[in-house]
């Protein structure tokens, strides 16, 4: 399992340079990304999450078609985060398209990185045979199987602190039901072995805990 509290290796420039080179432009983009991931309003979508996703990719790397594009997409997938689903992913993809060419990343890889970033807006929209997308989405969802799931859920609630409890509970329950309703959460073979069972147990428990906040609603997925 991936523990998002287990250090922050994502900040090491060497890991970034292996993807985008060691140029002045690359160093500037790396610094910008770290600043974005360190914004004070973030509670879950922070540098620890970035590090956890990159660590999960380490476990799934053999199943990717373009590991470099997958890792670049991890760096950019929540680089813009204002709590606006869909909009955040689109802006993050546009950021990748604007910044990566400055680092000398080939156009085809820039396009693939941006496509993958957009894909994280709806993990259940992943097309069959999309190896890169499967690795990135599985790595992004690995937190669902973690021993720190309760901390993750609390951090998500803090990011939406401006939403009243009843509205948040309804929206969160809908997200959980949609995920639990998919035939499989994890699209890579290794991801399913490592995380499927525990993730479903964690989400089912959270869904049950949300039920008192929504009287009269059946929260059974």
N, C-alpha and C. Protein backbone atom coordinates (compact mmCIF):
# COMPACT_ATOMS: atom_id res chain seq x y z
N UNK A 1 0.83 -1.20 0.00
CA UNK A 1 0.00 0.00 0.00
C UNK A 1 0.87 1.25 0.00
N UNK A 2 0.30 2.33 -0.50
CA UNK A 2 1.02 3.59 -0.56
C UNK A 2 0.62 4.45 0.62
N UNK A 3 1.60 4.85 1.41
CA UNK A 3 1.35 5.73 2.55
C UNK A 3 1.77 7.13 2.16
N UNK A 4 0.80 8.03 2.01
CA UNK A 4 1.11 9.37 1.52
C UNK A 4 1.90 10.18 2.54
N UNK A 5 2.03 9.70 3.76
CA UNK A 5 2.79 10.42 4.78
C UNK A 5 4.24 9.96 4.85
N UNK A 6 4.64 9.06 3.96
CA UNK A 6 5.97 8.45 4.05
C UNK A 6 7.01 9.24 3.28
N UNK A 7 7.16 10.50 3.63
CA UNK A 7 8.20 11.30 3.00
C UNK A 7 7.72 11.99 1.74
N UNK A 8 8.63 12.75 1.11
CA UNK A 8 8.26 13.53 -0.06
C UNK A 8 9.36 13.45 -1.11
N UNK A 9 9.60 12.26 -1.67
CA UNK A 9 10.65 12.12 -2.67
C UNK A 9 10.37 12.89 -3.95
N UNK A 10 9.11 13.29 -4.15
CA UNK A 10 8.75 13.98 -5.38
C UNK A 10 9.45 15.32 -5.51
N UNK A 11 9.93 15.88 -4.41
CA UNK A 11 10.55 17.19 -4.48
C UNK A 11 11.97 17.14 -5.02
N UNK A 12 12.57 15.96 -5.12
CA UNK A 12 13.94 15.86 -5.59
C UNK A 12 14.02 16.26 -7.06
N UNK A 13 14.87 17.23 -7.36
CA UNK A 13 14.96 17.70 -8.74
C UNK A 13 15.46 16.59 -9.67
N UNK A 14 16.27 15.68 -9.16
CA UNK A 14 16.81 14.62 -10.02
C UNK A 14 15.70 13.79 -10.66
N UNK A 15 14.63 13.55 -9.92
CA UNK A 15 13.52 12.77 -10.47
C UNK A 15 12.82 13.56 -11.58
N UNK A 16 12.67 14.84 -11.37
CA UNK A 16 12.06 15.67 -12.40
C UNK A 16 12.97 15.78 -13.62
N UNK A 17 14.26 15.97 -13.39
CA UNK A 17 15.21 16.14 -14.49
C UNK A 17 15.27 14.90 -15.38
N UNK A 18 15.04 13.73 -14.80
CA UNK A 18 15.03 12.51 -15.59
C UNK A 18 13.87 12.51 -16.59
N UNK A 19 12.86 13.33 -16.33
CA UNK A 19 11.69 13.41 -17.22
C UNK A 19 11.78 14.58 -18.18
N UNK A 20 12.28 15.73 -17.68
CA UNK A 20 12.20 16.98 -18.44
C UNK A 20 13.54 17.65 -18.65
N UNK A 21 14.63 16.99 -18.30
CA UNK A 21 15.95 17.54 -18.55
C UNK A 21 16.40 18.52 -17.46
N UNK A 22 17.69 18.83 -17.51
CA UNK A 22 18.28 19.74 -16.52
C UNK A 22 18.69 21.03 -17.21
N UNK A 23 17.69 21.81 -17.60
CA UNK A 23 17.93 23.10 -18.23
C UNK A 23 17.40 24.19 -17.31
N UNK A 24 17.71 25.43 -17.65
CA UNK A 24 17.17 26.55 -16.86
C UNK A 24 15.65 26.54 -16.89
N UNK A 25 15.08 26.28 -18.07
CA UNK A 25 13.63 26.24 -18.18
C UNK A 25 13.03 25.11 -17.35
N UNK A 26 13.69 23.95 -17.38
CA UNK A 26 13.19 22.81 -16.61
C UNK A 26 13.22 23.11 -15.12
N UNK A 27 14.28 23.74 -14.66
CA UNK A 27 14.37 24.10 -13.23
C UNK A 27 13.27 25.09 -12.86
N UNK A 28 12.97 26.01 -13.74
CA UNK A 28 11.92 26.99 -13.46
C UNK A 28 10.55 26.32 -13.38
N UNK A 29 10.29 25.37 -14.29
CA UNK A 29 9.01 24.66 -14.27
C UNK A 29 8.90 23.80 -13.01
N UNK A 30 9.98 23.14 -12.65
CA UNK A 30 10.00 22.33 -11.43
C UNK A 30 9.67 23.19 -10.21
N UNK A 31 10.30 24.36 -10.12
CA UNK A 31 10.04 25.26 -8.99
C UNK A 31 8.59 25.73 -8.99
N UNK A 32 8.05 26.03 -10.17
CA UNK A 32 6.66 26.46 -10.25
C UNK A 32 5.71 25.36 -9.80
N UNK A 33 5.97 24.13 -10.24
CA UNK A 33 5.10 23.03 -9.85
C UNK A 33 5.13 22.79 -8.34
N UNK A 34 6.33 22.83 -7.76
CA UNK A 34 6.41 22.64 -6.31
C UNK A 34 5.66 23.74 -5.58
N UNK A 35 5.74 24.96 -6.08
CA UNK A 35 5.01 26.07 -5.45
C UNK A 35 3.51 25.84 -5.56
N UNK A 36 3.06 25.35 -6.70
CA UNK A 36 1.63 25.09 -6.86
C UNK A 36 1.17 23.99 -5.93
N UNK A 37 1.93 22.90 -5.85
CA UNK A 37 1.55 21.79 -5.00
C UNK A 37 1.65 22.15 -3.50
N UNK A 38 2.30 23.26 -3.18
CA UNK A 38 2.46 23.69 -1.79
C UNK A 38 1.49 24.79 -1.38
N UNK A 39 0.52 25.13 -2.22
CA UNK A 39 -0.41 26.21 -1.92
C UNK A 39 -1.14 25.95 -0.59
N UNK A 40 -1.35 26.99 0.21
CA UNK A 40 -1.86 26.80 1.57
C UNK A 40 -3.29 26.28 1.64
N UNK A 41 -4.09 26.43 0.59
CA UNK A 41 -5.47 25.96 0.66
C UNK A 41 -5.59 24.45 0.45
N UNK A 42 -4.51 23.82 0.05
CA UNK A 42 -4.56 22.38 -0.19
C UNK A 42 -4.44 21.60 1.12
N UNK A 43 -5.28 20.57 1.26
CA UNK A 43 -5.21 19.71 2.42
C UNK A 43 -4.92 18.26 2.03
N UNK A 44 -5.46 17.83 0.91
CA UNK A 44 -5.16 16.50 0.38
C UNK A 44 -4.34 16.59 -0.90
N UNK A 45 -4.73 17.45 -1.83
CA UNK A 45 -4.04 17.56 -3.12
C UNK A 45 -2.77 18.39 -2.95
N UNK A 46 -1.82 17.82 -2.20
CA UNK A 46 -0.61 18.53 -1.84
C UNK A 46 0.62 17.74 -2.28
N UNK A 47 1.79 18.16 -1.81
CA UNK A 47 3.02 17.49 -2.23
C UNK A 47 3.08 16.04 -1.75
N UNK A 48 2.47 15.74 -0.62
CA UNK A 48 2.44 14.35 -0.17
C UNK A 48 1.63 13.48 -1.13
N UNK A 49 0.55 14.03 -1.67
CA UNK A 49 -0.24 13.29 -2.66
C UNK A 49 0.58 13.07 -3.93
N UNK A 50 1.27 14.10 -4.39
CA UNK A 50 2.13 13.96 -5.57
C UNK A 50 3.16 12.85 -5.34
N UNK A 51 3.81 12.87 -4.18
CA UNK A 51 4.81 11.84 -3.88
C UNK A 51 4.19 10.46 -3.86
N UNK A 52 2.98 10.34 -3.30
CA UNK A 52 2.32 9.04 -3.22
C UNK A 52 1.96 8.52 -4.61
N UNK A 53 1.50 9.40 -5.49
CA UNK A 53 1.16 8.97 -6.85
C UNK A 53 2.42 8.51 -7.59
N UNK A 54 3.50 9.25 -7.46
CA UNK A 54 4.74 8.85 -8.12
C UNK A 54 5.26 7.52 -7.56
N UNK A 55 5.09 7.30 -6.26
CA UNK A 55 5.51 6.02 -5.67
C UNK A 55 4.64 4.88 -6.17
N UNK A 56 3.35 5.13 -6.34
CA UNK A 56 2.47 4.09 -6.87
C UNK A 56 2.83 3.76 -8.31
N UNK A 57 3.21 4.77 -9.08
CA UNK A 57 3.65 4.52 -10.45
C UNK A 57 4.88 3.62 -10.46
N UNK A 58 5.76 3.79 -9.48
CA UNK A 58 6.92 2.89 -9.38
C UNK A 58 6.49 1.43 -9.35
N UNK A 59 5.39 1.15 -8.67
CA UNK A 59 4.91 -0.23 -8.54
C UNK A 59 4.25 -0.75 -9.82
N UNK A 60 3.74 0.16 -10.64
CA UNK A 60 2.97 -0.22 -11.83
C UNK A 60 3.70 0.05 -13.13
N UNK A 61 4.91 0.52 -13.08
CA UNK A 61 5.61 1.06 -14.24
C UNK A 61 5.69 0.07 -15.40
N UNK A 62 5.79 -1.21 -15.11
CA UNK A 62 5.94 -2.21 -16.18
C UNK A 62 4.70 -2.28 -17.05
N UNK A 63 3.56 -1.78 -16.57
CA UNK A 63 2.32 -1.87 -17.33
C UNK A 63 2.06 -0.63 -18.19
N UNK A 64 2.93 0.38 -18.10
CA UNK A 64 2.76 1.60 -18.90
C UNK A 64 3.38 1.45 -20.28
N UNK A 65 2.81 2.15 -21.24
CA UNK A 65 3.41 2.19 -22.57
C UNK A 65 4.46 3.27 -22.68
N UNK A 66 4.24 4.39 -22.01
CA UNK A 66 5.17 5.52 -21.98
C UNK A 66 5.27 5.99 -20.54
N UNK A 67 6.17 5.38 -19.81
CA UNK A 67 6.32 5.68 -18.39
C UNK A 67 6.63 7.14 -18.14
N UNK A 68 7.44 7.75 -19.02
CA UNK A 68 7.79 9.15 -18.83
C UNK A 68 6.56 10.05 -18.92
N UNK A 69 5.70 9.80 -19.90
CA UNK A 69 4.48 10.60 -20.03
C UNK A 69 3.59 10.42 -18.81
N UNK A 70 3.51 9.21 -18.29
CA UNK A 70 2.69 8.95 -17.10
C UNK A 70 3.23 9.74 -15.91
N UNK A 71 4.53 9.76 -15.75
CA UNK A 71 5.12 10.48 -14.61
C UNK A 71 4.95 11.99 -14.78
N UNK A 72 5.13 12.49 -16.00
CA UNK A 72 4.89 13.91 -16.24
C UNK A 72 3.44 14.26 -15.93
N UNK A 73 2.52 13.39 -16.33
CA UNK A 73 1.11 13.64 -16.04
C UNK A 73 0.84 13.65 -14.55
N UNK A 74 1.54 12.82 -13.80
CA UNK A 74 1.38 12.84 -12.35
C UNK A 74 1.78 14.20 -11.78
N UNK A 75 2.88 14.74 -12.26
CA UNK A 75 3.34 16.06 -11.81
C UNK A 75 2.31 17.15 -12.10
N UNK A 76 1.62 17.03 -13.23
CA UNK A 76 0.71 18.10 -13.65
C UNK A 76 -0.75 17.85 -13.28
N UNK A 77 -1.13 16.64 -12.85
CA UNK A 77 -2.56 16.30 -12.84
C UNK A 77 -3.39 17.12 -11.86
N UNK A 78 -2.82 17.62 -10.81
CA UNK A 78 -3.51 18.53 -9.89
C UNK A 78 -2.70 19.81 -9.68
N UNK A 79 -1.89 20.15 -10.67
CA UNK A 79 -1.05 21.35 -10.52
C UNK A 79 -1.90 22.60 -10.37
N UNK A 80 -3.04 22.64 -11.05
CA UNK A 80 -4.04 23.69 -10.82
C UNK A 80 -5.14 23.06 -9.99
N UNK A 81 -5.35 23.59 -8.80
CA UNK A 81 -6.37 22.99 -7.94
C UNK A 81 -7.14 24.08 -7.20
N UNK A 82 -8.37 24.31 -7.67
CA UNK A 82 -9.27 25.27 -7.04
C UNK A 82 -10.54 24.61 -6.52
N UNK A 83 -10.57 23.27 -6.52
CA UNK A 83 -11.76 22.57 -6.06
C UNK A 83 -12.90 22.62 -7.05
N UNK A 84 -12.58 22.71 -8.34
CA UNK A 84 -13.59 22.77 -9.40
C UNK A 84 -13.38 21.58 -10.34
N UNK A 85 -14.02 20.45 -10.06
CA UNK A 85 -13.82 19.25 -10.88
C UNK A 85 -14.04 19.51 -12.36
N UNK A 86 -13.16 18.96 -13.16
CA UNK A 86 -13.22 19.17 -14.60
C UNK A 86 -12.45 20.40 -15.02
N UNK A 87 -12.79 21.53 -14.43
CA UNK A 87 -12.07 22.78 -14.71
C UNK A 87 -10.62 22.68 -14.26
N UNK A 88 -10.38 22.13 -13.07
CA UNK A 88 -9.01 22.00 -12.56
C UNK A 88 -8.16 21.14 -13.50
N UNK A 89 -8.73 20.01 -13.94
CA UNK A 89 -7.97 19.11 -14.81
C UNK A 89 -7.69 19.75 -16.17
N UNK A 90 -8.65 20.49 -16.69
CA UNK A 90 -8.44 21.16 -17.97
C UNK A 90 -7.34 22.22 -17.86
N UNK A 91 -7.39 23.01 -16.81
CA UNK A 91 -6.36 24.03 -16.62
C UNK A 91 -5.00 23.40 -16.38
N UNK A 92 -4.97 22.28 -15.67
CA UNK A 92 -3.70 21.58 -15.43
C UNK A 92 -3.13 21.04 -16.73
N UNK A 93 -4.00 20.50 -17.60
CA UNK A 93 -3.55 20.01 -18.91
C UNK A 93 -3.01 21.15 -19.76
N UNK A 94 -3.69 22.29 -19.72
CA UNK A 94 -3.21 23.45 -20.48
C UNK A 94 -1.86 23.93 -19.94
N UNK A 95 -1.67 23.83 -18.64
CA UNK A 95 -0.38 24.21 -18.05
C UNK A 95 0.72 23.29 -18.59
N UNK A 96 0.45 22.00 -18.66
CA UNK A 96 1.43 21.06 -19.20
C UNK A 96 1.76 21.40 -20.65
N UNK A 97 0.74 21.73 -21.42
CA UNK A 97 0.96 22.07 -22.83
C UNK A 97 1.77 23.35 -22.98
N UNK A 98 1.66 24.26 -22.03
CA UNK A 98 2.39 25.52 -22.10
C UNK A 98 3.82 25.39 -21.59
N UNK A 99 4.04 24.56 -20.58
CA UNK A 99 5.35 24.52 -19.92
C UNK A 99 6.30 23.47 -20.49
N UNK A 100 5.80 22.29 -20.84
CA UNK A 100 6.70 21.20 -21.22
C UNK A 100 7.49 21.47 -22.50
N UNK A 101 6.92 22.15 -23.52
CA UNK A 101 7.75 22.44 -24.70
C UNK A 101 8.97 23.29 -24.36
N UNK A 102 8.88 24.15 -23.36
CA UNK A 102 10.02 24.97 -22.95
C UNK A 102 11.17 24.10 -22.44
N UNK A 103 10.80 22.92 -21.92
CA UNK A 103 11.81 22.00 -21.37
C UNK A 103 12.39 21.08 -22.43
N UNK A 104 11.91 21.21 -23.66
CA UNK A 104 12.41 20.36 -24.74
C UNK A 104 11.71 19.02 -24.84
N UNK A 105 10.57 18.85 -24.17
CA UNK A 105 9.83 17.60 -24.26
C UNK A 105 9.18 17.51 -25.64
N UNK A 106 9.32 16.39 -26.33
CA UNK A 106 8.76 16.26 -27.68
C UNK A 106 7.25 16.49 -27.71
N UNK A 107 6.77 17.03 -28.82
CA UNK A 107 5.37 17.37 -28.94
C UNK A 107 4.43 16.20 -28.71
N UNK A 108 4.78 15.03 -29.21
CA UNK A 108 3.91 13.87 -29.04
C UNK A 108 3.77 13.50 -27.56
N UNK A 109 4.85 13.64 -26.82
CA UNK A 109 4.80 13.33 -25.38
C UNK A 109 4.04 14.42 -24.61
N UNK A 110 4.18 15.66 -25.03
CA UNK A 110 3.41 16.74 -24.41
C UNK A 110 1.92 16.46 -24.60
N UNK A 111 1.54 16.08 -25.80
CA UNK A 111 0.13 15.80 -26.08
C UNK A 111 -0.38 14.63 -25.25
N UNK A 112 0.43 13.59 -25.12
CA UNK A 112 0.03 12.43 -24.32
C UNK A 112 -0.08 12.81 -22.84
N UNK A 113 0.85 13.62 -22.36
CA UNK A 113 0.79 14.07 -20.96
C UNK A 113 -0.50 14.84 -20.71
N UNK A 114 -0.84 15.76 -21.60
CA UNK A 114 -2.06 16.55 -21.43
C UNK A 114 -3.30 15.66 -21.50
N UNK A 115 -3.30 14.69 -22.40
CA UNK A 115 -4.44 13.76 -22.48
C UNK A 115 -4.63 13.02 -21.17
N UNK A 116 -3.53 12.55 -20.60
CA UNK A 116 -3.60 11.80 -19.35
C UNK A 116 -4.10 12.68 -18.20
N UNK A 117 -3.64 13.93 -18.16
CA UNK A 117 -4.10 14.84 -17.11
C UNK A 117 -5.61 15.01 -17.21
N UNK A 118 -6.12 15.22 -18.41
CA UNK A 118 -7.57 15.38 -18.59
C UNK A 118 -8.33 14.13 -18.18
N UNK A 119 -7.71 12.97 -18.37
CA UNK A 119 -8.35 11.70 -18.04
C UNK A 119 -8.65 11.58 -16.55
N UNK A 120 -7.85 12.23 -15.70
CA UNK A 120 -8.05 12.09 -14.25
C UNK A 120 -9.31 12.81 -13.77
N UNK A 121 -9.98 13.55 -14.64
CA UNK A 121 -11.24 14.19 -14.25
C UNK A 121 -12.35 13.16 -14.07
N UNK A 122 -12.25 12.02 -14.73
CA UNK A 122 -13.27 10.98 -14.64
C UNK A 122 -12.61 9.63 -14.88
N UNK A 123 -12.14 9.02 -13.81
CA UNK A 123 -11.39 7.78 -13.94
C UNK A 123 -12.20 6.66 -14.59
N UNK A 124 -13.53 6.72 -14.45
CA UNK A 124 -14.34 5.65 -15.01
C UNK A 124 -14.55 5.81 -16.51
N UNK A 125 -13.97 6.85 -17.12
CA UNK A 125 -14.07 7.05 -18.56
C UNK A 125 -12.89 6.42 -19.31
N UNK A 126 -12.06 5.71 -18.60
CA UNK A 126 -10.87 5.11 -19.20
C UNK A 126 -11.24 4.09 -20.26
N UNK A 127 -10.66 4.21 -21.45
CA UNK A 127 -10.96 3.28 -22.55
C UNK A 127 -10.17 1.99 -22.39
N UNK A 128 -10.75 0.86 -22.81
CA UNK A 128 -10.01 -0.41 -22.76
C UNK A 128 -8.71 -0.31 -23.56
N UNK A 129 -7.65 -0.89 -23.04
CA UNK A 129 -6.38 -0.90 -23.73
C UNK A 129 -5.53 0.34 -23.54
N UNK A 130 -6.01 1.30 -22.76
CA UNK A 130 -5.24 2.52 -22.50
C UNK A 130 -4.26 2.25 -21.37
N UNK A 131 -3.08 1.77 -21.72
CA UNK A 131 -2.12 1.34 -20.71
C UNK A 131 -1.62 2.51 -19.87
N UNK A 132 -1.28 3.61 -20.53
CA UNK A 132 -0.80 4.77 -19.78
C UNK A 132 -1.88 5.31 -18.84
N UNK A 133 -3.09 5.40 -19.37
CA UNK A 133 -4.19 5.89 -18.55
C UNK A 133 -4.48 4.98 -17.38
N UNK A 134 -4.38 3.67 -17.58
CA UNK A 134 -4.63 2.71 -16.50
C UNK A 134 -3.62 2.90 -15.37
N UNK A 135 -2.36 3.07 -15.72
CA UNK A 135 -1.33 3.24 -14.69
C UNK A 135 -1.54 4.54 -13.91
N UNK A 136 -1.79 5.64 -14.63
CA UNK A 136 -1.97 6.91 -13.93
C UNK A 136 -3.22 6.89 -13.05
N UNK A 137 -4.33 6.40 -13.57
CA UNK A 137 -5.57 6.39 -12.78
C UNK A 137 -5.44 5.46 -11.58
N UNK A 138 -4.81 4.31 -11.76
CA UNK A 138 -4.62 3.41 -10.62
C UNK A 138 -3.74 4.06 -9.56
N UNK A 139 -2.69 4.73 -9.98
CA UNK A 139 -1.80 5.39 -9.02
C UNK A 139 -2.51 6.50 -8.28
N UNK A 140 -3.38 7.22 -8.98
CA UNK A 140 -4.13 8.30 -8.36
C UNK A 140 -5.14 7.78 -7.35
N UNK A 141 -5.71 6.60 -7.61
CA UNK A 141 -6.72 6.02 -6.72
C UNK A 141 -6.13 5.12 -5.64
N UNK A 142 -4.83 4.89 -5.66
CA UNK A 142 -4.23 3.97 -4.68
C UNK A 142 -4.49 4.40 -3.25
N UNK A 143 -4.68 5.69 -3.02
CA UNK A 143 -4.97 6.20 -1.67
C UNK A 143 -6.22 5.55 -1.09
N UNK A 144 -7.14 5.11 -1.93
CA UNK A 144 -8.37 4.50 -1.44
C UNK A 144 -8.12 3.21 -0.67
N UNK A 145 -6.97 2.59 -0.92
CA UNK A 145 -6.64 1.34 -0.25
C UNK A 145 -5.67 1.53 0.90
N UNK A 146 -5.29 2.75 1.18
CA UNK A 146 -4.24 3.01 2.15
C UNK A 146 -4.67 2.88 3.60
N UNK A 147 -3.71 2.63 4.49
CA UNK A 147 -4.01 2.58 5.93
C UNK A 147 -4.40 3.95 6.47
N UNK A 148 -4.09 5.01 5.72
CA UNK A 148 -4.46 6.36 6.14
C UNK A 148 -5.72 6.85 5.48
N UNK A 149 -6.64 5.96 5.14
CA UNK A 149 -7.85 6.36 4.42
C UNK A 149 -8.67 7.39 5.20
N UNK A 150 -8.79 7.21 6.50
CA UNK A 150 -9.58 8.16 7.30
C UNK A 150 -8.97 9.56 7.26
N UNK A 151 -7.64 9.63 7.29
CA UNK A 151 -6.97 10.93 7.19
C UNK A 151 -7.22 11.55 5.82
N UNK A 152 -7.19 10.72 4.79
CA UNK A 152 -7.48 11.18 3.43
C UNK A 152 -8.89 11.77 3.35
N UNK A 153 -9.87 11.04 3.89
CA UNK A 153 -11.25 11.51 3.83
C UNK A 153 -11.42 12.83 4.59
N UNK A 154 -10.76 12.95 5.74
CA UNK A 154 -10.84 14.21 6.50
C UNK A 154 -10.20 15.36 5.72
N UNK A 155 -9.09 15.08 5.06
CA UNK A 155 -8.41 16.12 4.29
C UNK A 155 -9.27 16.59 3.12
N UNK A 156 -9.95 15.66 2.47
CA UNK A 156 -10.86 16.04 1.38
C UNK A 156 -11.97 16.93 1.93
N UNK A 157 -12.50 16.58 3.09
CA UNK A 157 -13.56 17.41 3.68
C UNK A 157 -13.04 18.82 3.98
N UNK A 158 -11.81 18.93 4.44
CA UNK A 158 -11.22 20.24 4.74
C UNK A 158 -11.07 21.08 3.50
N UNK A 159 -10.77 20.45 2.37
CA UNK A 159 -10.65 21.20 1.12
C UNK A 159 -12.00 21.76 0.67
N UNK A 160 -13.06 21.16 1.13
CA UNK A 160 -14.42 21.64 0.80
C UNK A 160 -15.12 22.19 2.04
N UNK A 161 -14.34 22.82 2.90
CA UNK A 161 -14.89 23.33 4.16
C UNK A 161 -15.97 24.38 3.93
N UNK A 162 -15.97 25.03 2.76
CA UNK A 162 -16.98 26.05 2.45
C UNK A 162 -18.33 25.45 2.09
N UNK A 163 -18.40 24.12 1.92
CA UNK A 163 -19.65 23.45 1.57
C UNK A 163 -20.34 22.98 2.85
N UNK A 164 -21.63 23.27 3.05
CA UNK A 164 -22.35 22.79 4.24
C UNK A 164 -22.29 21.27 4.35
N UNK A 165 -22.36 20.78 5.59
CA UNK A 165 -22.19 19.35 5.84
C UNK A 165 -23.16 18.48 5.04
N UNK A 166 -24.44 18.87 4.98
CA UNK A 166 -25.41 18.02 4.31
C UNK A 166 -25.16 17.95 2.81
N UNK A 167 -24.77 19.07 2.21
CA UNK A 167 -24.48 19.08 0.78
C UNK A 167 -23.20 18.31 0.47
N UNK A 168 -22.20 18.46 1.34
CA UNK A 168 -20.96 17.72 1.11
C UNK A 168 -21.23 16.22 1.23
N UNK A 169 -21.96 15.82 2.26
CA UNK A 169 -22.24 14.39 2.46
C UNK A 169 -22.96 13.81 1.26
N UNK A 170 -23.93 14.55 0.72
CA UNK A 170 -24.67 14.06 -0.45
C UNK A 170 -23.75 13.91 -1.65
N UNK A 171 -22.91 14.92 -1.89
CA UNK A 171 -22.00 14.87 -3.03
C UNK A 171 -20.95 13.79 -2.87
N UNK A 172 -20.40 13.69 -1.67
CA UNK A 172 -19.37 12.68 -1.41
C UNK A 172 -19.95 11.27 -1.55
N UNK A 173 -21.16 11.07 -1.04
CA UNK A 173 -21.80 9.75 -1.14
C UNK A 173 -22.03 9.38 -2.60
N UNK A 174 -22.40 10.36 -3.41
CA UNK A 174 -22.62 10.09 -4.84
C UNK A 174 -21.32 9.65 -5.51
N UNK A 175 -20.23 10.32 -5.17
CA UNK A 175 -18.93 9.93 -5.73
C UNK A 175 -18.57 8.51 -5.32
N UNK A 176 -18.76 8.19 -4.05
CA UNK A 176 -18.43 6.85 -3.55
C UNK A 176 -19.30 5.79 -4.21
N UNK A 177 -20.60 6.06 -4.34
CA UNK A 177 -21.49 5.09 -4.99
C UNK A 177 -21.09 4.87 -6.44
N UNK A 178 -20.71 5.93 -7.12
CA UNK A 178 -20.32 5.79 -8.52
C UNK A 178 -19.06 4.93 -8.64
N UNK A 179 -18.08 5.16 -7.77
CA UNK A 179 -16.86 4.36 -7.80
C UNK A 179 -17.14 2.91 -7.44
N UNK A 180 -17.93 2.70 -6.40
CA UNK A 180 -18.24 1.32 -5.98
C UNK A 180 -19.07 0.59 -7.02
N UNK A 181 -19.78 1.33 -7.85
CA UNK A 181 -20.61 0.71 -8.87
C UNK A 181 -19.86 0.25 -10.10
N UNK A 182 -18.59 0.62 -10.22
CA UNK A 182 -17.80 0.18 -11.37
C UNK A 182 -17.39 -1.28 -11.18
N UNK A 183 -17.32 -2.05 -12.27
CA UNK A 183 -16.94 -3.47 -12.14
C UNK A 183 -15.58 -3.65 -11.48
N UNK A 184 -14.62 -2.81 -11.83
CA UNK A 184 -13.31 -2.83 -11.19
C UNK A 184 -12.86 -1.39 -10.99
N UNK A 185 -12.24 -1.12 -9.85
CA UNK A 185 -11.69 0.21 -9.59
C UNK A 185 -10.34 0.38 -10.27
N UNK A 186 -9.55 -0.66 -10.25
CA UNK A 186 -8.17 -0.60 -10.74
C UNK A 186 -8.05 -1.39 -12.04
N UNK A 187 -7.46 -0.75 -13.04
CA UNK A 187 -7.44 -1.32 -14.38
C UNK A 187 -6.19 -2.13 -14.69
N UNK A 188 -5.13 -1.95 -13.92
CA UNK A 188 -3.95 -2.78 -14.12
C UNK A 188 -4.08 -4.05 -13.27
N UNK A 189 -3.48 -5.11 -13.75
CA UNK A 189 -3.56 -6.37 -13.02
C UNK A 189 -2.93 -6.23 -11.63
N UNK A 190 -1.80 -5.57 -11.57
CA UNK A 190 -1.14 -5.43 -10.26
C UNK A 190 -1.92 -4.51 -9.33
N UNK A 191 -2.48 -3.45 -9.89
CA UNK A 191 -3.30 -2.56 -9.09
C UNK A 191 -4.47 -3.28 -8.44
N UNK A 192 -5.11 -4.15 -9.22
CA UNK A 192 -6.24 -4.92 -8.66
C UNK A 192 -5.77 -5.83 -7.55
N UNK A 193 -4.65 -6.49 -7.74
CA UNK A 193 -4.15 -7.40 -6.70
C UNK A 193 -3.79 -6.63 -5.43
N UNK A 194 -3.18 -5.47 -5.60
CA UNK A 194 -2.69 -4.72 -4.44
C UNK A 194 -3.79 -3.98 -3.69
N UNK A 195 -4.77 -3.43 -4.43
CA UNK A 195 -5.61 -2.41 -3.83
C UNK A 195 -7.12 -2.60 -3.93
N UNK A 196 -7.62 -3.44 -4.82
CA UNK A 196 -9.07 -3.49 -5.08
C UNK A 196 -9.88 -3.82 -3.82
N UNK A 197 -9.56 -4.90 -3.16
CA UNK A 197 -10.37 -5.35 -2.03
C UNK A 197 -10.36 -4.34 -0.89
N UNK A 198 -9.18 -3.84 -0.54
CA UNK A 198 -9.08 -2.89 0.58
C UNK A 198 -9.76 -1.57 0.24
N UNK A 199 -9.64 -1.12 -0.99
CA UNK A 199 -10.27 0.15 -1.38
C UNK A 199 -11.78 0.06 -1.27
N UNK A 200 -12.35 -1.04 -1.72
CA UNK A 200 -13.81 -1.19 -1.64
C UNK A 200 -14.27 -1.24 -0.18
N UNK A 201 -13.50 -1.89 0.66
CA UNK A 201 -13.87 -1.94 2.08
C UNK A 201 -13.81 -0.55 2.70
N UNK A 202 -12.78 0.20 2.38
CA UNK A 202 -12.65 1.56 2.93
C UNK A 202 -13.80 2.46 2.48
N UNK A 203 -14.12 2.43 1.20
CA UNK A 203 -15.18 3.30 0.68
C UNK A 203 -16.55 2.88 1.21
N UNK A 204 -16.77 1.58 1.34
CA UNK A 204 -18.04 1.11 1.88
C UNK A 204 -18.23 1.59 3.31
N UNK A 205 -17.16 1.56 4.10
CA UNK A 205 -17.22 2.04 5.48
C UNK A 205 -17.49 3.53 5.53
N UNK A 206 -16.85 4.31 4.66
CA UNK A 206 -17.10 5.75 4.65
C UNK A 206 -18.54 6.05 4.23
N UNK A 207 -19.04 5.33 3.25
CA UNK A 207 -20.40 5.53 2.79
C UNK A 207 -21.41 5.27 3.92
N UNK A 208 -21.16 4.22 4.68
CA UNK A 208 -22.03 3.91 5.81
C UNK A 208 -21.97 5.02 6.86
N UNK A 209 -20.80 5.59 7.07
CA UNK A 209 -20.65 6.66 8.06
C UNK A 209 -21.34 7.94 7.62
N UNK A 210 -21.50 8.14 6.32
CA UNK A 210 -22.17 9.33 5.81
C UNK A 210 -23.69 9.23 5.93
N UNK A 211 -24.22 8.04 6.09
CA UNK A 211 -25.66 7.83 6.07
C UNK A 211 -26.42 8.67 7.10
N UNK A 212 -25.96 8.82 8.35
CA UNK A 212 -26.71 9.64 9.31
C UNK A 212 -26.87 11.09 8.90
N UNK A 213 -25.96 11.59 8.05
CA UNK A 213 -26.05 12.98 7.61
C UNK A 213 -27.07 13.16 6.51
N UNK A 214 -27.64 12.05 6.01
CA UNK A 214 -28.60 12.13 4.91
C UNK A 214 -29.82 11.30 5.28
N UNK A 215 -30.66 11.75 6.19
CA UNK A 215 -31.81 10.98 6.63
C UNK A 215 -32.73 10.62 5.48
N UNK A 216 -33.22 9.39 5.53
CA UNK A 216 -34.19 8.95 4.53
C UNK A 216 -33.56 8.42 3.25
N UNK A 217 -32.22 8.44 3.16
CA UNK A 217 -31.57 7.96 1.94
C UNK A 217 -30.90 6.63 2.20
N UNK A 218 -30.98 5.75 1.25
CA UNK A 218 -30.33 4.44 1.34
C UNK A 218 -28.93 4.59 0.78
N UNK A 219 -27.92 4.39 1.63
CA UNK A 219 -26.54 4.60 1.20
C UNK A 219 -25.88 3.29 0.76
N UNK A 220 -26.65 2.18 0.65
CA UNK A 220 -26.04 0.94 0.24
C UNK A 220 -25.73 0.99 -1.24
N UNK A 221 -24.47 0.80 -1.64
CA UNK A 221 -24.12 0.88 -3.06
C UNK A 221 -24.76 -0.25 -3.85
